[in-house]
Amino acid sequence: MATNRSRRLRKKLCVDEFQELGFELQLSYPESTDDAAVEAFFADLVVEGIEGNGMALIGGEEFAVVCSGKRGSVTEEQRATVEAWLKARPELSSFEVSPLLDVWYPDNPVATA
């Protein structure tokens, strides 16, 4: 695909100055955790940890991508807030929060301002 694109096309494709950033979550639960407890934790995560901070979650109870709730990018502060929220929760055996990445094209490098 051509790299000399109009501003309108760059915005439509979410590239260059319109790149949208988010991050990935990898969640692990203790083996003794029942399904109801996992569902309750995940509901709390979505409502308190994600939507309460202006973000949206795409995925499931073990792997998800977090992006902005509206057009734009997640900030490093929002990512750190979710990480701190997860650290404070005893329901997880482990979790991993990725660095910020391009949510539309994960293989593309993150543009620096």
PDB file of N, CA and C in Angstrom:
ATOM      1  N   MET A   1       0.845  -1.177   0.000  1.00  0.00           N
ATOM      2  CA  MET A   1       0.000   0.000   0.000  1.00  0.00           C
ATOM      3  C   MET A   1       0.890   1.240   0.000  1.00  0.00           C
ATOM      4  N   ALA A   2       0.446   2.252  -0.655  1.00  0.00           N
ATOM      5  CA  ALA A   2       1.223   3.491  -0.766  1.00  0.00           C
ATOM      6  C   ALA A   2       1.419   4.133   0.598  1.00  0.00           C
ATOM      7  N   THR A   3       2.575   4.745   0.790  1.00  0.00           N
ATOM      8  CA  THR A   3       2.847   5.413   2.062  1.00  0.00           C
ATOM      9  C   THR A   3       2.573   6.908   1.989  1.00  0.00           C
ATOM     10  N   ASN A   4       2.357   7.445   0.785  1.00  0.00           N
ATOM     11  CA  ASN A   4       2.041   8.860   0.621  1.00  0.00           C
ATOM     12  C   ASN A   4       0.521   9.008   0.621  1.00  0.00           C
ATOM     13  N   ARG A   5      -0.067   9.097   1.820  1.00  0.00           N
ATOM     14  CA  ARG A   5      -1.519   9.107   1.962  1.00  0.00           C
ATOM     15  C   ARG A   5      -2.011  10.495   2.350  1.00  0.00           C
ATOM     16  N   SER A   6      -3.243  10.775   1.976  1.00  0.00           N
ATOM     17  CA  SER A   6      -3.854  12.045   2.369  1.00  0.00           C
ATOM     18  C   SER A   6      -4.165  12.015   3.873  1.00  0.00           C
ATOM     19  N   ARG A   7      -4.344  13.183   4.451  1.00  0.00           N
ATOM     20  CA  ARG A   7      -4.667  13.288   5.877  1.00  0.00           C
ATOM     21  C   ARG A   7      -5.943  12.514   6.190  1.00  0.00           C
ATOM     22  N   ARG A   8      -6.934  12.643   5.330  1.00  0.00           N
ATOM     23  CA  ARG A   8      -8.211  11.955   5.534  1.00  0.00           C
ATOM     24  C   ARG A   8      -8.027  10.442   5.567  1.00  0.00           C
ATOM     25  N   LEU A   9      -7.205   9.911   4.670  1.00  0.00           N
ATOM     26  CA  LEU A   9      -6.969   8.473   4.624  1.00  0.00           C
ATOM     27  C   LEU A   9      -6.152   8.010   5.835  1.00  0.00           C
ATOM     28  N   ARG A  10      -5.150   8.818   6.245  1.00  0.00           N
ATOM     29  CA  ARG A  10      -4.373   8.464   7.440  1.00  0.00           C
ATOM     30  C   ARG A  10      -5.271   8.395   8.663  1.00  0.00           C
ATOM     31  N   LYS A  11      -6.241   9.310   8.752  1.00  0.00           N
ATOM     32  CA  LYS A  11      -7.166   9.299   9.888  1.00  0.00           C
ATOM     33  C   LYS A  11      -8.071   8.071   9.821  1.00  0.00           C
ATOM     34  N   LYS A  12      -8.564   7.764   8.646  1.00  0.00           N
ATOM     35  CA  LYS A  12      -9.445   6.612   8.474  1.00  0.00           C
ATOM     36  C   LYS A  12      -8.727   5.305   8.796  1.00  0.00           C
ATOM     37  N   LEU A  13      -7.442   5.209   8.458  1.00  0.00           N
ATOM     38  CA  LEU A  13      -6.658   4.003   8.696  1.00  0.00           C
ATOM     39  C   LEU A  13      -6.003   3.969  10.083  1.00  0.00           C
ATOM     40  N   CYS A  14      -6.138   5.060  10.840  1.00  0.00           N
ATOM     41  CA  CYS A  14      -5.520   5.166  12.179  1.00  0.00           C
ATOM     42  C   CYS A  14      -4.010   4.954  12.117  1.00  0.00           C
ATOM     43  N   VAL A  15      -3.347   5.654  11.215  1.00  0.00           N
ATOM     44  CA  VAL A  15      -1.894   5.560  11.086  1.00  0.00           C
ATOM     45  C   VAL A  15      -1.254   6.938  11.261  1.00  0.00           C
ATOM     46  N   ASP A  16       0.060   6.920  11.395  1.00  0.00           N
ATOM     47  CA  ASP A  16       0.874   8.122  11.551  1.00  0.00           C
ATOM     48  C   ASP A  16       0.384   8.956  12.734  1.00  0.00           C
ATOM     49  N   GLU A  17       0.005  10.204  12.524  1.00  0.00           N
ATOM     50  CA  GLU A  17      -0.403  11.049  13.649  1.00  0.00           C
ATOM     51  C   GLU A  17      -1.735  10.620  14.263  1.00  0.00           C
ATOM     52  N   PHE A  18      -2.456   9.694  13.620  1.00  0.00           N
ATOM     53  CA  PHE A  18      -3.739   9.194  14.125  1.00  0.00           C
ATOM     54  C   PHE A  18      -3.617   7.792  14.737  1.00  0.00           C
ATOM     55  N   GLN A  19      -2.406   7.360  14.986  1.00  0.00           N
ATOM     56  CA  GLN A  19      -2.166   6.056  15.611  1.00  0.00           C
ATOM     57  C   GLN A  19      -2.860   6.006  16.973  1.00  0.00           C
ATOM     58  N   GLU A  20      -3.527   4.902  17.274  1.00  0.00           N
ATOM     59  CA  GLU A  20      -4.231   4.734  18.546  1.00  0.00           C
ATOM     60  C   GLU A  20      -3.526   3.674  19.378  1.00  0.00           C
ATOM     61  N   LEU A  21      -3.183   4.034  20.608  1.00  0.00           N
ATOM     62  CA  LEU A  21      -2.426   3.149  21.484  1.00  0.00           C
ATOM     63  C   LEU A  21      -3.310   2.503  22.531  1.00  0.00           C
ATOM     64  N   GLY A  22      -2.936   1.310  22.928  1.00  0.00           N
ATOM     65  CA  GLY A  22      -3.603   0.570  23.988  1.00  0.00           C
ATOM     66  C   GLY A  22      -2.597  -0.387  24.582  1.00  0.00           C
ATOM     67  N   PHE A  23      -3.071  -1.385  25.312  1.00  0.00           N
ATOM     68  CA  PHE A  23      -2.177  -2.387  25.882  1.00  0.00           C
ATOM     69  C   PHE A  23      -2.916  -3.699  26.057  1.00  0.00           C
ATOM     70  N   GLU A  24      -2.129  -4.760  26.213  1.00  0.00           N
ATOM     71  CA  GLU A  24      -2.687  -6.099  26.383  1.00  0.00           C
ATOM     72  C   GLU A  24      -2.632  -6.502  27.846  1.00  0.00           C
ATOM     73  N   LEU A  25      -3.612  -7.288  28.268  1.00  0.00           N
ATOM     74  CA  LEU A  25      -3.651  -7.868  29.609  1.00  0.00           C
ATOM     75  C   LEU A  25      -3.618  -9.381  29.489  1.00  0.00           C
ATOM     76  N   GLN A  26      -2.778 -10.005  30.276  1.00  0.00           N
ATOM     77  CA  GLN A  26      -2.732 -11.472  30.381  1.00  0.00           C
ATOM     78  C   GLN A  26      -3.013 -11.782  31.844  1.00  0.00           C
ATOM     79  N   LEU A  27      -4.110 -12.483  32.127  1.00  0.00           N
ATOM     80  CA  LEU A  27      -4.531 -12.752  33.500  1.00  0.00           C
ATOM     81  C   LEU A  27      -4.518 -14.246  33.797  1.00  0.00           C
ATOM     82  N   SER A  28      -4.015 -14.610  34.976  1.00  0.00           N
ATOM     83  CA  SER A  28      -4.014 -16.005  35.423  1.00  0.00           C
ATOM     84  C   SER A  28      -4.648 -16.085  36.794  1.00  0.00           C
ATOM     85  N   TYR A  29      -5.450 -17.114  36.991  1.00  0.00           N
ATOM     86  CA  TYR A  29      -6.168 -17.311  38.248  1.00  0.00           C
ATOM     87  C   TYR A  29      -5.644 -18.573  38.927  1.00  0.00           C
ATOM     88  N   PRO A  30      -5.723 -18.635  40.256  1.00  0.00           N
ATOM     89  CA  PRO A  30      -5.342 -19.880  40.939  1.00  0.00           C
ATOM     90  C   PRO A  30      -6.236 -21.031  40.467  1.00  0.00           C
ATOM     91  N   GLU A  31      -5.703 -22.233  40.444  1.00  0.00           N
ATOM     92  CA  GLU A  31      -6.462 -23.392  39.957  1.00  0.00           C
ATOM     93  C   GLU A  31      -7.707 -23.667  40.777  1.00  0.00           C
ATOM     94  N   SER A  32      -7.700 -23.288  42.041  1.00  0.00           N
ATOM     95  CA  SER A  32      -8.843 -23.550  42.917  1.00  0.00           C
ATOM     96  C   SER A  32      -9.988 -22.552  42.725  1.00  0.00           C
ATOM     97  N   THR A  33      -9.796 -21.548  41.888  1.00  0.00           N
ATOM     98  CA  THR A  33     -10.817 -20.522  41.682  1.00  0.00           C
ATOM     99  C   THR A  33     -11.969 -21.070  40.854  1.00  0.00           C
ATOM    100  N   ASP A  34     -13.200 -20.912  41.347  1.00  0.00           N
ATOM    101  CA  ASP A  34     -14.354 -21.399  40.588  1.00  0.00           C
ATOM    102  C   ASP A  34     -14.792 -20.366  39.552  1.00  0.00           C
ATOM    103  N   ASP A  35     -15.627 -20.782  38.625  1.00  0.00           N
ATOM    104  CA  ASP A  35     -16.049 -19.923  37.517  1.00  0.00           C
ATOM    105  C   ASP A  35     -16.786 -18.679  37.995  1.00  0.00           C
ATOM    106  N   ALA A  36     -17.604 -18.809  39.022  1.00  0.00           N
ATOM    107  CA  ALA A  36     -18.359 -17.656  39.523  1.00  0.00           C
ATOM    108  C   ALA A  36     -17.421 -16.575  40.070  1.00  0.00           C
ATOM    109  N   ALA A  37     -16.360 -16.981  40.743  1.00  0.00           N
ATOM    110  CA  ALA A  37     -15.397 -16.010  41.283  1.00  0.00           C
ATOM    111  C   ALA A  37     -14.637 -15.305  40.159  1.00  0.00           C
ATOM    112  N   VAL A  38     -14.290 -16.059  39.103  1.00  0.00           N
ATOM    113  CA  VAL A  38     -13.607 -15.462  37.953  1.00  0.00           C
ATOM    114  C   VAL A  38     -14.528 -14.455  37.273  1.00  0.00           C
ATOM    115  N   GLU A  39     -15.786 -14.818  37.084  1.00  0.00           N
ATOM    116  CA  GLU A  39     -16.748 -13.915  36.444  1.00  0.00           C
ATOM    117  C   GLU A  39     -16.969 -12.663  37.272  1.00  0.00           C
ATOM    118  N   ALA A  40     -17.038 -12.798  38.595  1.00  0.00           N
ATOM    119  CA  ALA A  40     -17.226 -11.639  39.473  1.00  0.00           C
ATOM    120  C   ALA A  40     -16.008 -10.719  39.412  1.00  0.00           C
ATOM    121  N   PHE A  41     -14.808 -11.303  39.443  1.00  0.00           N
ATOM    122  CA  PHE A  41     -13.588 -10.495  39.336  1.00  0.00           C
ATOM    123  C   PHE A  41     -13.553  -9.763  38.008  1.00  0.00           C
ATOM    124  N   PHE A  42     -13.852 -10.481  36.922  1.00  0.00           N
ATOM    125  CA  PHE A  42     -13.789  -9.875  35.596  1.00  0.00           C
ATOM    126  C   PHE A  42     -14.804  -8.745  35.453  1.00  0.00           C
ATOM    127  N   ALA A  43     -15.984  -8.912  36.018  1.00  0.00           N
ATOM    128  CA  ALA A  43     -16.986  -7.838  35.994  1.00  0.00           C
ATOM    129  C   ALA A  43     -16.466  -6.613  36.744  1.00  0.00           C
ATOM    130  N   ASP A  44     -15.830  -6.825  37.899  1.00  0.00           N
ATOM    131  CA  ASP A  44     -15.238  -5.711  38.646  1.00  0.00           C
ATOM    132  C   ASP A  44     -14.138  -5.038  37.834  1.00  0.00           C
ATOM    133  N   LEU A  45     -13.315  -5.837  37.175  1.00  0.00           N
ATOM    134  CA  LEU A  45     -12.242  -5.285  36.352  1.00  0.00           C
ATOM    135  C   LEU A  45     -12.811  -4.378  35.268  1.00  0.00           C
ATOM    136  N   VAL A  46     -13.806  -4.861  34.565  1.00  0.00           N
ATOM    137  CA  VAL A  46     -14.388  -4.079  33.468  1.00  0.00           C
ATOM    138  C   VAL A  46     -15.009  -2.783  33.986  1.00  0.00           C
ATOM    139  N   VAL A  47     -15.805  -2.867  35.046  1.00  0.00           N
ATOM    140  CA  VAL A  47     -16.518  -1.690  35.538  1.00  0.00           C
ATOM    141  C   VAL A  47     -15.591  -0.715  36.269  1.00  0.00           C
ATOM    142  N   GLU A  48     -14.830  -1.215  37.248  1.00  0.00           N
ATOM    143  CA  GLU A  48     -14.001  -0.342  38.075  1.00  0.00           C
ATOM    144  C   GLU A  48     -12.662   0.007  37.425  1.00  0.00           C
ATOM    145  N   GLY A  49     -11.958  -1.003  36.942  1.00  0.00           N
ATOM    146  CA  GLY A  49     -10.604  -0.789  36.457  1.00  0.00           C
ATOM    147  C   GLY A  49     -10.515  -0.220  35.056  1.00  0.00           C
ATOM    148  N   ILE A  50     -11.455  -0.590  34.199  1.00  0.00           N
ATOM    149  CA  ILE A  50     -11.369  -0.183  32.796  1.00  0.00           C
ATOM    150  C   ILE A  50     -12.341   0.957  32.476  1.00  0.00           C
ATOM    151  N   GLU A  51     -13.642   0.690  32.522  1.00  0.00           N
ATOM    152  CA  GLU A  51     -14.624   1.709  32.154  1.00  0.00           C
ATOM    153  C   GLU A  51     -14.587   2.900  33.103  1.00  0.00           C
ATOM    154  N   GLY A  52     -14.282   2.658  34.376  1.00  0.00           N
ATOM    155  CA  GLY A  52     -14.185   3.745  35.349  1.00  0.00           C
ATOM    156  C   GLY A  52     -13.048   4.707  35.059  1.00  0.00           C
ATOM    157  N   ASN A  53     -12.110   4.296  34.213  1.00  0.00           N
ATOM    158  CA  ASN A  53     -10.979   5.139  33.837  1.00  0.00           C
ATOM    159  C   ASN A  53     -11.032   5.570  32.373  1.00  0.00           C
ATOM    160  N   GLY A  54     -12.212   5.499  31.771  1.00  0.00           N
ATOM    161  CA  GLY A  54     -12.405   5.994  30.412  1.00  0.00           C
ATOM    162  C   GLY A  54     -11.859   5.103  29.313  1.00  0.00           C
ATOM    163  N   MET A  55     -11.751   3.810  29.592  1.00  0.00           N
ATOM    164  CA  MET A  55     -11.204   2.885  28.597  1.00  0.00           C
ATOM    165  C   MET A  55     -12.236   1.815  28.248  1.00  0.00           C
ATOM    166  N   ALA A  56     -11.890   1.002  27.275  1.00  0.00           N
ATOM    167  CA  ALA A  56     -12.738  -0.121  26.862  1.00  0.00           C
ATOM    168  C   ALA A  56     -11.878  -1.371  26.799  1.00  0.00           C
ATOM    169  N   LEU A  57     -12.507  -2.526  26.998  1.00  0.00           N
ATOM    170  CA  LEU A  57     -11.791  -3.804  27.002  1.00  0.00           C
ATOM    171  C   LEU A  57     -12.366  -4.697  25.924  1.00  0.00           C
ATOM    172  N   ILE A  58     -11.484  -5.322  25.154  1.00  0.00           N
ATOM    173  CA  ILE A  58     -11.884  -6.259  24.121  1.00  0.00           C
ATOM    174  C   ILE A  58     -11.190  -7.574  24.435  1.00  0.00           C
ATOM    175  N   GLY A  59     -11.946  -8.607  24.669  1.00  0.00           N
ATOM    176  CA  GLY A  59     -11.331  -9.890  24.962  1.00  0.00           C
ATOM    177  C   GLY A  59     -12.096 -10.632  26.026  1.00  0.00           C
ATOM    178  N   GLY A  60     -11.384 -11.494  26.737  1.00  0.00           N
ATOM    179  CA  GLY A  60     -12.029 -12.338  27.718  1.00  0.00           C
ATOM    180  C   GLY A  60     -11.319 -12.332  29.052  1.00  0.00           C
ATOM    181  N   GLU A  61     -11.605 -13.355  29.839  1.00  0.00           N
ATOM    182  CA  GLU A  61     -11.156 -13.409  31.225  1.00  0.00           C
ATOM    183  C   GLU A  61      -9.674 -13.729  31.381  1.00  0.00           C
ATOM    184  N   GLU A  62      -9.022 -14.213  30.332  1.00  0.00           N
ATOM    185  CA  GLU A  62      -7.597 -14.538  30.432  1.00  0.00           C
ATOM    186  C   GLU A  62      -6.716 -13.653  29.568  1.00  0.00           C
ATOM    187  N   PHE A  63      -7.228 -13.148  28.450  1.00  0.00           N
ATOM    188  CA  PHE A  63      -6.464 -12.266  27.574  1.00  0.00           C
ATOM    189  C   PHE A  63      -7.390 -11.189  27.038  1.00  0.00           C
ATOM    190  N   ALA A  64      -6.916  -9.954  27.055  1.00  0.00           N
ATOM    191  CA  ALA A  64      -7.738  -8.850  26.555  1.00  0.00           C
ATOM    192  C   ALA A  64      -6.838  -7.722  26.069  1.00  0.00           C
ATOM    193  N   VAL A  65      -7.411  -6.884  25.223  1.00  0.00           N
ATOM    194  CA  VAL A  65      -6.759  -5.660  24.770  1.00  0.00           C
ATOM    195  C   VAL A  65      -7.558  -4.498  25.333  1.00  0.00           C
ATOM    196  N   VAL A  66      -6.863  -3.540  25.905  1.00  0.00           N
ATOM    197  CA  VAL A  66      -7.505  -2.363  26.477  1.00  0.00           C
ATOM    198  C   VAL A  66      -7.187  -1.176  25.577  1.00  0.00           C
ATOM    199  N   CYS A  67      -8.224  -0.447  25.195  1.00  0.00           N
ATOM    200  CA  CYS A  67      -8.053   0.730  24.347  1.00  0.00           C
ATOM    201  C   CYS A  67      -8.894   1.871  24.916  1.00  0.00           C
ATOM    202  N   SER A  68      -8.801   3.009  24.286  1.00  0.00           N
ATOM    203  CA  SER A  68      -9.562   4.165  24.752  1.00  0.00           C
ATOM    204  C   SER A  68     -11.050   3.923  24.533  1.00  0.00           C
ATOM    205  N   GLY A  69     -11.872   4.454  25.426  1.00  0.00           N
ATOM    206  CA  GLY A  69     -13.311   4.320  25.301  1.00  0.00           C
ATOM    207  C   GLY A  69     -13.891   5.188  24.204  1.00  0.00           C
ATOM    208  N   LYS A  70     -13.104   6.128  23.725  1.00  0.00           N
ATOM    209  CA  LYS A  70     -13.501   6.983  22.611  1.00  0.00           C
ATOM    210  C   LYS A  70     -12.331   7.033  21.642  1.00  0.00           C
ATOM    211  N   ARG A  71     -12.473   7.724  20.566  1.00  0.00           N
ATOM    212  CA  ARG A  71     -11.373   7.795  19.592  1.00  0.00           C
ATOM    213  C   ARG A  71     -10.139   8.392  20.261  1.00  0.00           C
ATOM    214  N   GLY A  72      -8.999   7.777  20.055  1.00  0.00           N
ATOM    215  CA  GLY A  72      -7.757   8.268  20.633  1.00  0.00           C
ATOM    216  C   GLY A  72      -6.989   7.151  21.304  1.00  0.00           C
ATOM    217  N   SER A  73      -6.028   7.539  22.110  1.00  0.00           N
ATOM    218  CA  SER A  73      -5.114   6.578  22.716  1.00  0.00           C
ATOM    219  C   SER A  73      -5.259   6.517  24.224  1.00  0.00           C
ATOM    220  N   VAL A  74      -4.859   5.383  24.770  1.00  0.00           N
ATOM    221  CA  VAL A  74      -4.718   5.210  26.212  1.00  0.00           C
ATOM    222  C   VAL A  74      -3.404   5.884  26.602  1.00  0.00           C
ATOM    223  N   THR A  75      -3.366   6.526  27.749  1.00  0.00           N
ATOM    224  CA  THR A  75      -2.135   7.163  28.209  1.00  0.00           C
ATOM    225  C   THR A  75      -1.337   6.199  29.084  1.00  0.00           C
ATOM    226  N   GLU A  76      -0.099   6.516  29.301  1.00  0.00           N
ATOM    227  CA  GLU A  76       0.742   5.717  30.184  1.00  0.00           C
ATOM    228  C   GLU A  76       0.194   5.752  31.609  1.00  0.00           C
ATOM    229  N   GLU A  77      -0.415   6.870  32.007  1.00  0.00           N
ATOM    230  CA  GLU A  77      -1.014   6.981  33.339  1.00  0.00           C
ATOM    231  C   GLU A  77      -2.203   6.036  33.489  1.00  0.00           C
ATOM    232  N   GLN A  78      -3.036   5.926  32.460  1.00  0.00           N
ATOM    233  CA  GLN A  78      -4.165   4.999  32.501  1.00  0.00           C
ATOM    234  C   GLN A  78      -3.673   3.556  32.585  1.00  0.00           C
ATOM    235  N   ARG A  79      -2.625   3.239  31.846  1.00  0.00           N
ATOM    236  CA  ARG A  79      -2.043   1.902  31.894  1.00  0.00           C
ATOM    237  C   ARG A  79      -1.530   1.603  33.298  1.00  0.00           C
ATOM    238  N   ALA A  80      -0.837   2.559  33.900  1.00  0.00           N
ATOM    239  CA  ALA A  80      -0.311   2.385  35.252  1.00  0.00           C
ATOM    240  C   ALA A  80      -1.444   2.246  36.272  1.00  0.00           C
ATOM    241  N   THR A  81      -2.546   2.941  36.064  1.00  0.00           N
ATOM    242  CA  THR A  81      -3.695   2.846  36.954  1.00  0.00           C
ATOM    243  C   THR A  81      -4.287   1.434  36.937  1.00  0.00           C
ATOM    244  N   VAL A  82      -4.421   0.859  35.750  1.00  0.00           N
ATOM    245  CA  VAL A  82      -4.945  -0.509  35.635  1.00  0.00           C
ATOM    246  C   VAL A  82      -3.972  -1.493  36.279  1.00  0.00           C
ATOM    247  N   GLU A  83      -2.689  -1.299  36.051  1.00  0.00           N
ATOM    248  CA  GLU A  83      -1.689  -2.187  36.655  1.00  0.00           C
ATOM    249  C   GLU A  83      -1.756  -2.125  38.180  1.00  0.00           C
ATOM    250  N   ALA A  84      -1.888  -0.917  38.744  1.00  0.00           N
ATOM    251  CA  ALA A  84      -2.000  -0.768  40.197  1.00  0.00           C
ATOM    252  C   ALA A  84      -3.295  -1.401  40.709  1.00  0.00           C
ATOM    253  N   TRP A  85      -4.383  -1.265  39.963  1.00  0.00           N
ATOM    254  CA  TRP A  85      -5.657  -1.868  40.356  1.00  0.00           C
ATOM    255  C   TRP A  85      -5.512  -3.388  40.411  1.00  0.00           C
ATOM    256  N   LEU A  86      -4.846  -3.960  39.413  1.00  0.00           N
ATOM    257  CA  LEU A  86      -4.653  -5.412  39.381  1.00  0.00           C
ATOM    258  C   LEU A  86      -3.750  -5.885  40.523  1.00  0.00           C
ATOM    259  N   LYS A  87      -2.718  -5.116  40.850  1.00  0.00           N
ATOM    260  CA  LYS A  87      -1.818  -5.488  41.943  1.00  0.00           C
ATOM    261  C   LYS A  87      -2.548  -5.538  43.277  1.00  0.00           C
ATOM    262  N   ALA A  88      -3.564  -4.706  43.437  1.00  0.00           N
ATOM    263  CA  ALA A  88      -4.299  -4.631  44.696  1.00  0.00           C
ATOM    264  C   ALA A  88      -5.336  -5.740  44.843  1.00  0.00           C
ATOM    265  N   ARG A  89      -5.534  -6.538  43.805  1.00  0.00           N
ATOM    266  CA  ARG A  89      -6.559  -7.581  43.838  1.00  0.00           C
ATOM    267  C   ARG A  89      -5.954  -8.945  44.148  1.00  0.00           C
ATOM    268  N   PRO A  90      -6.492  -9.651  45.152  1.00  0.00           N
ATOM    269  CA  PRO A  90      -5.942 -10.952  45.533  1.00  0.00           C
ATOM    270  C   PRO A  90      -6.441 -12.120  44.670  1.00  0.00           C
ATOM    271  N   GLU A  91      -7.402 -11.892  43.787  1.00  0.00           N
ATOM    272  CA  GLU A  91      -8.007 -12.985  43.018  1.00  0.00           C
ATOM    273  C   GLU A  91      -7.074 -13.589  41.969  1.00  0.00           C
ATOM    274  N   LEU A  92      -6.033 -12.865  41.567  1.00  0.00           N
ATOM    275  CA  LEU A  92      -5.155 -13.327  40.494  1.00  0.00           C
ATOM    276  C   LEU A  92      -3.936 -14.052  41.045  1.00  0.00           C
ATOM    277  N   SER A  93      -3.512 -15.099  40.346  1.00  0.00           N
ATOM    278  CA  SER A  93      -2.238 -15.728  40.705  1.00  0.00           C
ATOM    279  C   SER A  93      -1.095 -14.981  40.036  1.00  0.00           C
ATOM    280  N   SER A  94      -1.347 -14.443  38.835  1.00  0.00           N
ATOM    281  CA  SER A  94      -0.371 -13.598  38.156  1.00  0.00           C
ATOM    282  C   SER A  94      -1.075 -12.813  37.054  1.00  0.00           C
ATOM    283  N   PHE A  95      -0.412 -11.760  36.621  1.00  0.00           N
ATOM    284  CA  PHE A  95      -0.928 -10.979  35.498  1.00  0.00           C
ATOM    285  C   PHE A  95       0.237 -10.300  34.808  1.00  0.00           C
ATOM    286  N   GLU A  96       0.000  -9.911  33.563  1.00  0.00           N
ATOM    287  CA  GLU A  96       1.002  -9.198  32.792  1.00  0.00           C
ATOM    288  C   GLU A  96       0.304  -8.076  32.043  1.00  0.00           C
ATOM    289  N   VAL A  97       0.874  -6.879  32.113  1.00  0.00           N
ATOM    290  CA  VAL A  97       0.365  -5.724  31.395  1.00  0.00           C
ATOM    291  C   VAL A  97       1.449  -5.326  30.396  1.00  0.00           C
ATOM    292  N   SER A  98       1.121  -5.326  29.122  1.00  0.00           N
ATOM    293  CA  SER A  98       2.123  -5.021  28.098  1.00  0.00           C
ATOM    294  C   SER A  98       2.421  -3.522  28.066  1.00  0.00           C
ATOM    295  N   PRO A  99       3.525  -3.155  27.448  1.00  0.00           N
ATOM    296  CA  PRO A  99       3.762  -1.726  27.176  1.00  0.00           C
ATOM    297  C   PRO A  99       2.705  -1.232  26.177  1.00  0.00           C
ATOM    298  N   LEU A 100       2.599   0.069  26.013  1.00  0.00           N
ATOM    299  CA  LEU A 100       1.658   0.612  25.036  1.00  0.00           C
ATOM    300  C   LEU A 100       2.021   0.114  23.645  1.00  0.00           C
ATOM    301  N   LEU A 101       0.983  -0.215  22.865  1.00  0.00           N
ATOM    302  CA  LEU A 101       1.178  -0.695  21.504  1.00  0.00           C
ATOM    303  C   LEU A 101       0.083  -0.156  20.607  1.00  0.00           C
ATOM    304  N   ASP A 102       0.318  -0.221  19.308  1.00  0.00           N
ATOM    305  CA  ASP A 102      -0.662   0.216  18.319  1.00  0.00           C
ATOM    306  C   ASP A 102      -1.791  -0.806  18.304  1.00  0.00           C
ATOM    307  N   VAL A 103      -3.018  -0.390  18.672  1.00  0.00           N
ATOM    308  CA  VAL A 103      -4.114  -1.354  18.772  1.00  0.00           C
ATOM    309  C   VAL A 103      -4.657  -1.790  17.411  1.00  0.00           C
ATOM    310  N   TRP A 104      -4.455  -1.005  16.373  1.00  0.00           N
ATOM    311  CA  TRP A 104      -4.932  -1.382  15.041  1.00  0.00           C
ATOM    312  C   TRP A 104      -3.908  -2.235  14.300  1.00  0.00           C
ATOM    313  N   TYR A 105      -2.634  -1.916  14.487  1.00  0.00           N
ATOM    314  CA  TYR A 105      -1.544  -2.618  13.804  1.00  0.00           C
ATOM    315  C   TYR A 105      -0.468  -2.952  14.840  1.00  0.00           C
ATOM    316  N   PRO A 106      -0.652  -4.023  15.625  1.00  0.00           N
ATOM    317  CA  PRO A 106       0.254  -4.328  16.740  1.00  0.00           C
ATOM    318  C   PRO A 106       1.724  -4.507  16.333  1.00  0.00           C
ATOM    319  N   ASP A 107       1.999  -4.866  15.098  1.00  0.00           N
ATOM    320  CA  ASP A 107       3.379  -5.051  14.663  1.00  0.00           C
ATOM    321  C   ASP A 107       4.078  -3.734  14.337  1.00  0.00           C
ATOM    322  N   ASN A 108       3.314  -2.654  14.179  1.00  0.00           N
ATOM    323  CA  ASN A 108       3.914  -1.352  13.901  1.00  0.00           C
ATOM    324  C   ASN A 108       4.523  -0.771  15.175  1.00  0.00           C
ATOM    325  N   PRO A 109       5.655  -0.099  15.052  1.00  0.00           N
ATOM    326  CA  PRO A 109       6.236   0.548  16.238  1.00  0.00           C
ATOM    327  C   PRO A 109       5.375   1.723  16.689  1.00  0.00           C
ATOM    328  N   VAL A 110       5.468   2.033  17.985  1.00  0.00           N
ATOM    329  CA  VAL A 110       4.734   3.165  18.539  1.00  0.00           C
ATOM    330  C   VAL A 110       5.450   4.441  18.120  1.00  0.00           C
ATOM    331  N   ALA A 111       4.697   5.358  17.534  1.00  0.00           N
ATOM    332  CA  ALA A 111       5.275   6.644  17.087  1.00  0.00           C
ATOM    333  C   ALA A 111       5.611   7.489  18.305  1.00  0.00           C
ATOM    334  N   THR A 112       6.771   8.091  18.277  1.00  0.00           N
ATOM    335  CA  THR A 112       7.156   9.006  19.356  1.00  0.00           C
ATOM    336  C   THR A 112       6.910  10.426  18.916  1.00  0.00           C
ATOM    337  N   ALA A 113       6.447  11.235  19.838  1.00  0.00           N
ATOM    338  CA  ALA A 113       6.091  12.618  19.500  1.00  0.00           C
ATOM    339  C   ALA A 113       7.303  13.497  19.378  1.00  0.00           C
TER     340      ALA A 113
END
